[in-house]
Amino acid sequence: MTGVAVITGAGSGIGRASARALAKDGWQVVLAGRRAEPLEEVVAEIGEAALACPTDVSDSASVDALFANAVKRFGRVDLLFNNAGLSLPATRIDALADEDWDRLVAVNLSGAFRCLRAAFRVMRDQAPRGGRIINNGSISAYVPRLHSVAYTATKHAITGLTRSASLDGRELDIACGQIDIGNAATDMGSGAVSGMLQADGSTRPEPVMDVEEVACAVVHMAGLPPEANVQFMTIMATKMPFIGRG
């Protein structure tokens, strides 16, 4: 199954790789991100099947404009890859500033909600009705890293968002699932190679996987027929310390 996909955080990393992979699979792709230049680079690579829409997911009007532009250009939205997110340097709870907490919640959780809400509204009203939403969680939705309270809390909340949307979407023919990713080779995940803070306070390098493997997993989830859904998928570097972390 293919159609029209909206990808947030599409200018780099997992979002960029997934946009290219979806386009290669036959999807028309709408690329959302904070900076126009990286989005236009992806459009230049993909061609007419791509549209760049600079978007601030922490702003409702900006998110609504993203989906309006997607419908104006391609007629509908069949997929949202809810991928935009931020992280912070390792920070103890007692040292975390209000503004850093608020910034992560605004993007990682509230931004994901705003995009999901906008997708629901479009998918509810289009004909044929329905679509699919894939939320980018994290393995931190299950197990935290040391000194990561803001990121971990938002990713645990994404799981609640996914479960609620999956339930609420049934009557509207909207499927919602979540992909939880560990140690992909991206700018955000590059610290794993040089050394990641471990639960015992030490810093050690960790294995990483090619980001293209994540993109392939997104394409698989996106391509399922409407009657099938991957509710939760965990994809990770095989030998990273996730199972047995602690």
C-alpha atoms as a PDB file:
ATOM      1  CA  MET A   1       0.000   0.000   0.000  1.00  0.00           C
ATOM      2  CA  THR A   2       1.262   3.490  -0.867  1.00  0.00           C
ATOM      3  CA  GLY A   3      -0.199   6.976  -0.804  1.00  0.00           C
ATOM      4  CA  VAL A   4       0.677  10.352   0.717  1.00  0.00           C
ATOM      5  CA  ALA A   5       2.997  10.436   3.735  1.00  0.00           C
ATOM      6  CA  VAL A   6       3.751  13.318   6.095  1.00  0.00           C
ATOM      7  CA  ILE A   7       7.121  12.935   7.835  1.00  0.00           C
ATOM      8  CA  THR A   8       8.132  15.271  10.654  1.00  0.00           C
ATOM      9  CA  GLY A   9      11.772  15.780  11.492  1.00  0.00           C
ATOM     10  CA  ALA A  10      12.438  14.951   7.843  1.00  0.00           C
ATOM     11  CA  GLY A  11      15.514  17.122   7.354  1.00  0.00           C
ATOM     12  CA  SER A  12      17.976  14.769   9.006  1.00  0.00           C
ATOM     13  CA  GLY A  13      18.578  11.377  10.561  1.00  0.00           C
ATOM     14  CA  ILE A  14      15.738   8.885  10.793  1.00  0.00           C
ATOM     15  CA  GLY A  15      13.200  11.234   9.211  1.00  0.00           C
ATOM     16  CA  ARG A  16      15.364  11.950   6.201  1.00  0.00           C
ATOM     17  CA  ALA A  17      16.227   8.282   5.652  1.00  0.00           C
ATOM     18  CA  SER A  18      12.577   7.298   6.016  1.00  0.00           C
ATOM     19  CA  ALA A  19      11.404   9.966   3.575  1.00  0.00           C
ATOM     20  CA  ARG A  20      13.826   8.700   0.935  1.00  0.00           C
ATOM     21  CA  ALA A  21      12.847   5.082   1.561  1.00  0.00           C
ATOM     22  CA  LEU A  22       9.112   5.821   1.403  1.00  0.00           C
ATOM     23  CA  ALA A  23       9.558   7.787  -1.840  1.00  0.00           C
ATOM     24  CA  LYS A  24      11.545   4.899  -3.314  1.00  0.00           C
ATOM     25  CA  ASP A  25       8.671   2.603  -2.359  1.00  0.00           C
ATOM     26  CA  GLY A  26       6.218   4.769  -4.315  1.00  0.00           C
ATOM     27  CA  TRP A  27       4.891   7.177  -1.679  1.00  0.00           C
ATOM     28  CA  GLN A  28       4.389  10.881  -2.211  1.00  0.00           C
ATOM     29  CA  VAL A  29       6.101  12.554   0.735  1.00  0.00           C
ATOM     30  CA  VAL A  30       5.531  15.812   2.600  1.00  0.00           C
ATOM     31  CA  LEU A  31       8.663  16.775   4.510  1.00  0.00           C
ATOM     32  CA  ALA A  32       8.315  18.779   7.722  1.00  0.00           C
ATOM     33  CA  GLY A  33      11.137  20.237   9.801  1.00  0.00           C
ATOM     34  CA  ARG A  34      12.306  23.412  11.450  1.00  0.00           C
ATOM     35  CA  ARG A  35      14.839  24.375   8.760  1.00  0.00           C
ATOM     36  CA  ALA A  36      13.949  24.812   5.092  1.00  0.00           C
ATOM     37  CA  GLU A  37      17.374  24.112   3.575  1.00  0.00           C
ATOM     38  CA  PRO A  38      17.724  20.442   4.623  1.00  0.00           C
ATOM     39  CA  LEU A  39      14.143  19.768   3.512  1.00  0.00           C
ATOM     40  CA  GLU A  40      14.822  21.258   0.090  1.00  0.00           C
ATOM     41  CA  GLU A  41      17.899  19.047  -0.241  1.00  0.00           C
ATOM     42  CA  VAL A  42      15.695  15.981   0.188  1.00  0.00           C
ATOM     43  CA  VAL A  43      13.129  17.353  -2.272  1.00  0.00           C
ATOM     44  CA  ALA A  44      15.882  17.887  -4.844  1.00  0.00           C
ATOM     45  CA  GLU A  45      16.882  14.253  -4.418  1.00  0.00           C
ATOM     46  CA  ILE A  46      13.338  12.832  -4.627  1.00  0.00           C
ATOM     47  CA  GLY A  47      11.733  15.140  -7.193  1.00  0.00           C
ATOM     48  CA  GLU A  48       8.069  16.010  -7.801  1.00  0.00           C
ATOM     49  CA  ALA A  49       6.810  13.352  -5.402  1.00  0.00           C
ATOM     50  CA  ALA A  50       8.144  15.443  -2.488  1.00  0.00           C
ATOM     51  CA  LEU A  51       7.032  18.709  -0.896  1.00  0.00           C
ATOM     52  CA  ALA A  52       9.002  20.676   1.722  1.00  0.00           C
ATOM     53  CA  CYS A  53       6.986  22.362   4.482  1.00  0.00           C
ATOM     54  CA  PRO A  54       9.054  24.136   7.156  1.00  0.00           C
ATOM     55  CA  THR A  55       7.107  23.461  10.353  1.00  0.00           C
ATOM     56  CA  ASP A  56       7.335  24.160  14.075  1.00  0.00           C
ATOM     57  CA  VAL A  57       5.538  21.220  15.682  1.00  0.00           C
ATOM     58  CA  SER A  58       5.292  23.128  18.962  1.00  0.00           C
ATOM     59  CA  ASP A  59       2.924  25.607  17.249  1.00  0.00           C
ATOM     60  CA  SER A  60      -0.615  24.480  16.391  1.00  0.00           C
ATOM     61  CA  ALA A  61      -1.040  26.929  13.508  1.00  0.00           C
ATOM     62  CA  SER A  62       2.183  25.718  11.916  1.00  0.00           C
ATOM     63  CA  VAL A  63       1.082  22.084  12.213  1.00  0.00           C
ATOM     64  CA  ASP A  64      -2.352  22.846  10.770  1.00  0.00           C
ATOM     65  CA  ALA A  65      -0.687  24.634   7.837  1.00  0.00           C
ATOM     66  CA  LEU A  66       1.504  21.557   7.242  1.00  0.00           C
ATOM     67  CA  PHE A  67      -1.502  19.289   6.797  1.00  0.00           C
ATOM     68  CA  ALA A  68      -3.412  21.880   4.763  1.00  0.00           C
ATOM     69  CA  ASN A  69      -0.449  22.127   2.387  1.00  0.00           C
ATOM     70  CA  ALA A  70      -0.217  18.346   2.128  1.00  0.00           C
ATOM     71  CA  VAL A  71      -3.884  18.089   1.151  1.00  0.00           C
ATOM     72  CA  LYS A  72      -3.618  21.045  -1.243  1.00  0.00           C
ATOM     73  CA  ARG A  73      -0.662  19.464  -3.079  1.00  0.00           C
ATOM     74  CA  PHE A  74      -1.538  15.759  -3.001  1.00  0.00           C
ATOM     75  CA  GLY A  75      -5.248  15.599  -2.124  1.00  0.00           C
ATOM     76  CA  ARG A  76      -5.119  13.535   1.086  1.00  0.00           C
ATOM     77  CA  VAL A  77      -2.886  12.120   3.841  1.00  0.00           C
ATOM     78  CA  ASP A  78      -2.518   8.351   4.210  1.00  0.00           C
ATOM     79  CA  LEU A  79       0.422   8.225   6.624  1.00  0.00           C
ATOM     80  CA  LEU A  80       1.926  10.342   9.368  1.00  0.00           C
ATOM     81  CA  PHE A  81       5.407   9.396  10.573  1.00  0.00           C
ATOM     82  CA  ASN A  82       5.403  11.362  13.832  1.00  0.00           C
ATOM     83  CA  ASN A  83       9.175  11.563  14.139  1.00  0.00           C
ATOM     84  CA  ALA A  84      10.255  15.060  15.239  1.00  0.00           C
ATOM     85  CA  GLY A  85      12.088  15.107  18.547  1.00  0.00           C
ATOM     86  CA  LEU A  86      14.832  16.657  20.655  1.00  0.00           C
ATOM     87  CA  SER A  87      17.244  15.371  23.270  1.00  0.00           C
ATOM     88  CA  LEU A  88      19.399  16.982  25.950  1.00  0.00           C
ATOM     89  CA  PRO A  89      22.900  16.354  27.259  1.00  0.00           C
ATOM     90  CA  ALA A  90      22.867  14.067  30.310  1.00  0.00           C
ATOM     91  CA  THR A  91      21.518  16.161  33.195  1.00  0.00           C
ATOM     92  CA  ARG A  92      20.651  15.105  36.733  1.00  0.00           C
ATOM     93  CA  ILE A  93      17.068  15.723  37.818  1.00  0.00           C
ATOM     94  CA  ASP A  94      18.137  18.278  40.428  1.00  0.00           C
ATOM     95  CA  ALA A  95      20.084  20.254  37.796  1.00  0.00           C
ATOM     96  CA  LEU A  96      17.437  20.269  35.043  1.00  0.00           C
ATOM     97  CA  ALA A  97      16.196  23.771  34.188  1.00  0.00           C
ATOM     98  CA  ASP A  98      12.522  24.548  33.673  1.00  0.00           C
ATOM     99  CA  GLU A  99      13.175  25.848  30.167  1.00  0.00           C
ATOM    100  CA  ASP A 100      14.897  22.619  29.102  1.00  0.00           C
ATOM    101  CA  TRP A 101      12.070  20.486  30.478  1.00  0.00           C
ATOM    102  CA  ASP A 102       9.470  22.711  28.801  1.00  0.00           C
ATOM    103  CA  ARG A 103      11.322  22.694  25.466  1.00  0.00           C
ATOM    104  CA  LEU A 104      11.491  18.899  25.303  1.00  0.00           C
ATOM    105  CA  VAL A 105       7.859  18.458  26.331  1.00  0.00           C
ATOM    106  CA  ALA A 106       6.767  21.076  23.778  1.00  0.00           C
ATOM    107  CA  VAL A 107       8.402  19.209  20.885  1.00  0.00           C
ATOM    108  CA  ASN A 108       8.589  15.535  21.884  1.00  0.00           C
ATOM    109  CA  LEU A 109       5.129  15.220  23.422  1.00  0.00           C
ATOM    110  CA  SER A 110       2.946  18.230  22.663  1.00  0.00           C
ATOM    111  CA  GLY A 111       4.315  18.440  19.121  1.00  0.00           C
ATOM    112  CA  ALA A 112       3.594  14.773  18.539  1.00  0.00           C
ATOM    113  CA  PHE A 113       0.061  15.267  19.863  1.00  0.00           C
ATOM    114  CA  ARG A 114      -0.574  18.275  17.609  1.00  0.00           C
ATOM    115  CA  CYS A 115       0.552  16.360  14.532  1.00  0.00           C
ATOM    116  CA  LEU A 116      -1.502  13.330  15.506  1.00  0.00           C
ATOM    117  CA  ARG A 117      -4.580  15.482  16.104  1.00  0.00           C
ATOM    118  CA  ALA A 118      -4.199  17.183  12.724  1.00  0.00           C
ATOM    119  CA  ALA A 119      -3.754  13.809  11.022  1.00  0.00           C
ATOM    120  CA  PHE A 120      -6.911  12.486  12.704  1.00  0.00           C
ATOM    121  CA  ARG A 121      -8.908  15.446  11.425  1.00  0.00           C
ATOM    122  CA  VAL A 122      -7.732  14.990   7.829  1.00  0.00           C
ATOM    123  CA  MET A 123      -8.017  11.201   7.815  1.00  0.00           C
ATOM    124  CA  ARG A 124     -11.489  11.335   9.385  1.00  0.00           C
ATOM    125  CA  ASP A 125     -12.893  13.588   6.683  1.00  0.00           C
ATOM    126  CA  GLN A 126     -11.202  12.341   3.502  1.00  0.00           C
ATOM    127  CA  ALA A 127     -12.615   9.784   1.083  1.00  0.00           C
ATOM    128  CA  PRO A 128     -11.816   6.993   1.324  1.00  0.00           C
ATOM    129  CA  ARG A 129     -11.608   7.561   5.051  1.00  0.00           C
ATOM    130  CA  GLY A 130      -8.743   6.556   7.301  1.00  0.00           C
ATOM    131  CA  GLY A 131      -4.982   6.194   7.295  1.00  0.00           C
ATOM    132  CA  ARG A 132      -2.032   5.207   9.464  1.00  0.00           C
ATOM    133  CA  ILE A 133       0.081   6.951  12.092  1.00  0.00           C
ATOM    134  CA  ILE A 134       3.514   5.739  13.197  1.00  0.00           C
ATOM    135  CA  ASN A 135       4.865   7.408  16.331  1.00  0.00           C
ATOM    136  CA  ASN A 136       8.615   7.415  16.915  1.00  0.00           C
ATOM    137  CA  GLY A 137       9.009   6.338  20.513  1.00  0.00           C
ATOM    138  CA  SER A 138      12.438   5.143  21.631  1.00  0.00           C
ATOM    139  CA  ILE A 139      13.833   2.303  23.652  1.00  0.00           C
ATOM    140  CA  SER A 140      13.726   4.992  26.346  1.00  0.00           C
ATOM    141  CA  ALA A 141       9.963   4.420  26.287  1.00  0.00           C
ATOM    142  CA  TYR A 142      10.843   1.220  28.183  1.00  0.00           C
ATOM    143  CA  VAL A 143      14.191   1.713  29.932  1.00  0.00           C
ATOM    144  CA  PRO A 144      15.826   5.067  30.781  1.00  0.00           C
ATOM    145  CA  ARG A 145      19.405   6.099  30.414  1.00  0.00           C
ATOM    146  CA  LEU A 146      21.087   7.746  33.380  1.00  0.00           C
ATOM    147  CA  HIS A 147      20.301  11.467  33.749  1.00  0.00           C
ATOM    148  CA  SER A 148      17.642  11.552  31.003  1.00  0.00           C
ATOM    149  CA  VAL A 149      14.444  12.332  32.908  1.00  0.00           C
ATOM    150  CA  ALA A 150      12.927  14.810  30.411  1.00  0.00           C
ATOM    151  CA  TYR A 151      13.577  12.667  27.330  1.00  0.00           C
ATOM    152  CA  THR A 152      12.506   9.465  29.083  1.00  0.00           C
ATOM    153  CA  ALA A 153       9.300  11.000  30.431  1.00  0.00           C
ATOM    154  CA  THR A 154       8.276  12.279  27.002  1.00  0.00           C
ATOM    155  CA  LYS A 155       8.971   8.923  25.368  1.00  0.00           C
ATOM    156  CA  HIS A 156       6.980   7.044  28.009  1.00  0.00           C
ATOM    157  CA  ALA A 157       4.180   9.492  27.264  1.00  0.00           C
ATOM    158  CA  ILE A 158       4.402   8.719  23.536  1.00  0.00           C
ATOM    159  CA  THR A 159       3.436   5.134  24.373  1.00  0.00           C
ATOM    160  CA  GLY A 160       0.277   6.407  26.062  1.00  0.00           C
ATOM    161  CA  LEU A 161      -0.412   8.610  23.060  1.00  0.00           C
ATOM    162  CA  THR A 162      -0.002   5.617  20.750  1.00  0.00           C
ATOM    163  CA  ARG A 163      -2.319   3.384  22.772  1.00  0.00           C
ATOM    164  CA  SER A 164      -5.020   6.035  23.043  1.00  0.00           C
ATOM    165  CA  ALA A 165      -4.818   6.931  19.355  1.00  0.00           C
ATOM    166  CA  SER A 166      -4.913   3.277  18.380  1.00  0.00           C
ATOM    167  CA  LEU A 167      -8.111   2.817  20.361  1.00  0.00           C
ATOM    168  CA  ASP A 168      -9.753   6.082  19.296  1.00  0.00           C
ATOM    169  CA  GLY A 169      -8.788   5.494  15.674  1.00  0.00           C
ATOM    170  CA  ARG A 170     -10.679   2.242  15.276  1.00  0.00           C
ATOM    171  CA  GLU A 171     -14.025   3.845  14.522  1.00  0.00           C
ATOM    172  CA  LEU A 172     -12.362   6.189  12.006  1.00  0.00           C
ATOM    173  CA  ASP A 173     -10.323   3.516  10.183  1.00  0.00           C
ATOM    174  CA  ILE A 174      -7.092   5.039  11.501  1.00  0.00           C
ATOM    175  CA  ALA A 175      -4.374   2.620  12.599  1.00  0.00           C
ATOM    176  CA  CYS A 176      -1.698   3.819  15.014  1.00  0.00           C
ATOM    177  CA  GLY A 177       1.544   2.057  15.916  1.00  0.00           C
ATOM    178  CA  GLN A 178       4.912   2.891  17.428  1.00  0.00           C
ATOM    179  CA  ILE A 179       8.508   2.220  16.443  1.00  0.00           C
ATOM    180  CA  ASP A 180      11.052   2.192  19.266  1.00  0.00           C
ATOM    181  CA  ILE A 181      14.595   2.683  18.034  1.00  0.00           C
ATOM    182  CA  GLY A 182      17.915   2.044  19.706  1.00  0.00           C
ATOM    183  CA  ASN A 183      21.349   3.278  18.575  1.00  0.00           C
ATOM    184  CA  ALA A 184      20.827   4.198  14.931  1.00  0.00           C
ATOM    185  CA  ALA A 185      23.785   5.893  13.258  1.00  0.00           C
ATOM    186  CA  THR A 186      22.466   9.465  13.076  1.00  0.00           C
ATOM    187  CA  ASP A 187      23.657  12.837  14.370  1.00  0.00           C
ATOM    188  CA  MET A 188      21.457  12.361  17.458  1.00  0.00           C
ATOM    189  CA  GLY A 189      22.737   8.831  17.996  1.00  0.00           C
ATOM    190  CA  SER A 190      26.397   9.486  17.178  1.00  0.00           C
ATOM    191  CA  GLY A 191      27.396   9.654  20.838  1.00  0.00           C
ATOM    192  CA  ALA A 192      27.042   5.893  21.115  1.00  0.00           C
ATOM    193  CA  VAL A 193      30.233   5.398  19.102  1.00  0.00           C
ATOM    194  CA  SER A 194      32.364   7.746  21.199  1.00  0.00           C
ATOM    195  CA  GLY A 195      30.830   6.633  24.473  1.00  0.00           C
ATOM    196  CA  MET A 196      27.472   6.636  26.258  1.00  0.00           C
ATOM    197  CA  LEU A 197      26.819   7.139  29.950  1.00  0.00           C
ATOM    198  CA  GLN A 198      25.975   3.783  31.530  1.00  0.00           C
ATOM    199  CA  ALA A 199      23.773   2.985  34.523  1.00  0.00           C
ATOM    200  CA  ASP A 200      26.843   2.468  36.730  1.00  0.00           C
ATOM    201  CA  GLY A 201      28.149   5.942  35.913  1.00  0.00           C
ATOM    202  CA  SER A 202      30.846   4.762  33.500  1.00  0.00           C
ATOM    203  CA  THR A 203      31.077   5.888  29.871  1.00  0.00           C
ATOM    204  CA  ARG A 204      31.531   3.220  27.213  1.00  0.00           C
ATOM    205  CA  PRO A 205      31.112   2.949  23.432  1.00  0.00           C
ATOM    206  CA  GLU A 206      28.034   1.075  22.220  1.00  0.00           C
ATOM    207  CA  PRO A 207      27.249  -0.701  18.928  1.00  0.00           C
ATOM    208  CA  VAL A 208      25.134   1.158  16.364  1.00  0.00           C
ATOM    209  CA  MET A 209      23.112   0.097  13.325  1.00  0.00           C
ATOM    210  CA  ASP A 210      22.707   1.695   9.907  1.00  0.00           C
ATOM    211  CA  VAL A 211      19.846   4.209   9.876  1.00  0.00           C
ATOM    212  CA  GLU A 212      18.673   2.648   6.597  1.00  0.00           C
ATOM    213  CA  GLU A 213      17.543  -0.399   8.573  1.00  0.00           C
ATOM    214  CA  VAL A 214      15.204   1.859  10.548  1.00  0.00           C
ATOM    215  CA  ALA A 215      13.881   3.340   7.305  1.00  0.00           C
ATOM    216  CA  CYS A 216      13.159  -0.161   5.992  1.00  0.00           C
ATOM    217  CA  ALA A 217      11.207  -0.924   9.167  1.00  0.00           C
ATOM    218  CA  VAL A 218       9.139   2.252   8.739  1.00  0.00           C
ATOM    219  CA  VAL A 219       8.377   1.306   5.136  1.00  0.00           C
ATOM    220  CA  HIS A 220       7.233  -2.142   6.282  1.00  0.00           C
ATOM    221  CA  MET A 221       4.890  -0.712   8.914  1.00  0.00           C
ATOM    222  CA  ALA A 222       3.574   1.898   6.472  1.00  0.00           C
ATOM    223  CA  GLY A 223       2.912  -0.627   3.724  1.00  0.00           C
ATOM    224  CA  LEU A 224       0.623  -2.964   5.640  1.00  0.00           C
ATOM    225  CA  PRO A 225      -2.993  -3.241   4.462  1.00  0.00           C
ATOM    226  CA  PRO A 226      -5.598  -1.377   6.545  1.00  0.00           C
ATOM    227  CA  GLU A 227      -6.682  -4.533   8.363  1.00  0.00           C
ATOM    228  CA  ALA A 228      -3.170  -5.134   9.776  1.00  0.00           C
ATOM    229  CA  ASN A 229      -1.058  -3.070  12.170  1.00  0.00           C
ATOM    230  CA  VAL A 230       2.298  -3.299  13.905  1.00  0.00           C
ATOM    231  CA  GLN A 231       1.291  -1.978  17.309  1.00  0.00           C
ATOM    232  CA  PHE A 232       4.833  -1.771  18.691  1.00  0.00           C
ATOM    233  CA  MET A 233       8.144  -2.539  17.000  1.00  0.00           C
ATOM    234  CA  THR A 234      11.569  -2.366  18.647  1.00  0.00           C
ATOM    235  CA  ILE A 235      14.523  -2.108  16.262  1.00  0.00           C
ATOM    236  CA  MET A 236      17.988  -1.744  17.735  1.00  0.00           C
ATOM    237  CA  ALA A 237      21.666  -2.459  17.299  1.00  0.00           C
ATOM    238  CA  THR A 238      21.886  -6.168  18.078  1.00  0.00           C
ATOM    239  CA  LYS A 239      24.635  -5.952  20.702  1.00  0.00           C
ATOM    240  CA  MET A 240      23.755  -2.670  22.381  1.00  0.00           C
ATOM    241  CA  PRO A 241      23.198  -2.854  26.172  1.00  0.00           C
ATOM    242  CA  PHE A 242      19.416  -2.624  26.219  1.00  0.00           C
ATOM    243  CA  ILE A 243      18.408  -6.118  27.229  1.00  0.00           C
ATOM    244  CA  GLY A 244      20.109  -6.436  30.592  1.00  0.00           C
ATOM    245  CA  ARG A 245      20.714  -2.720  30.955  1.00  0.00           C
ATOM    246  CA  GLY A 246      21.300  -1.704  34.567  1.00  0.00           C
END
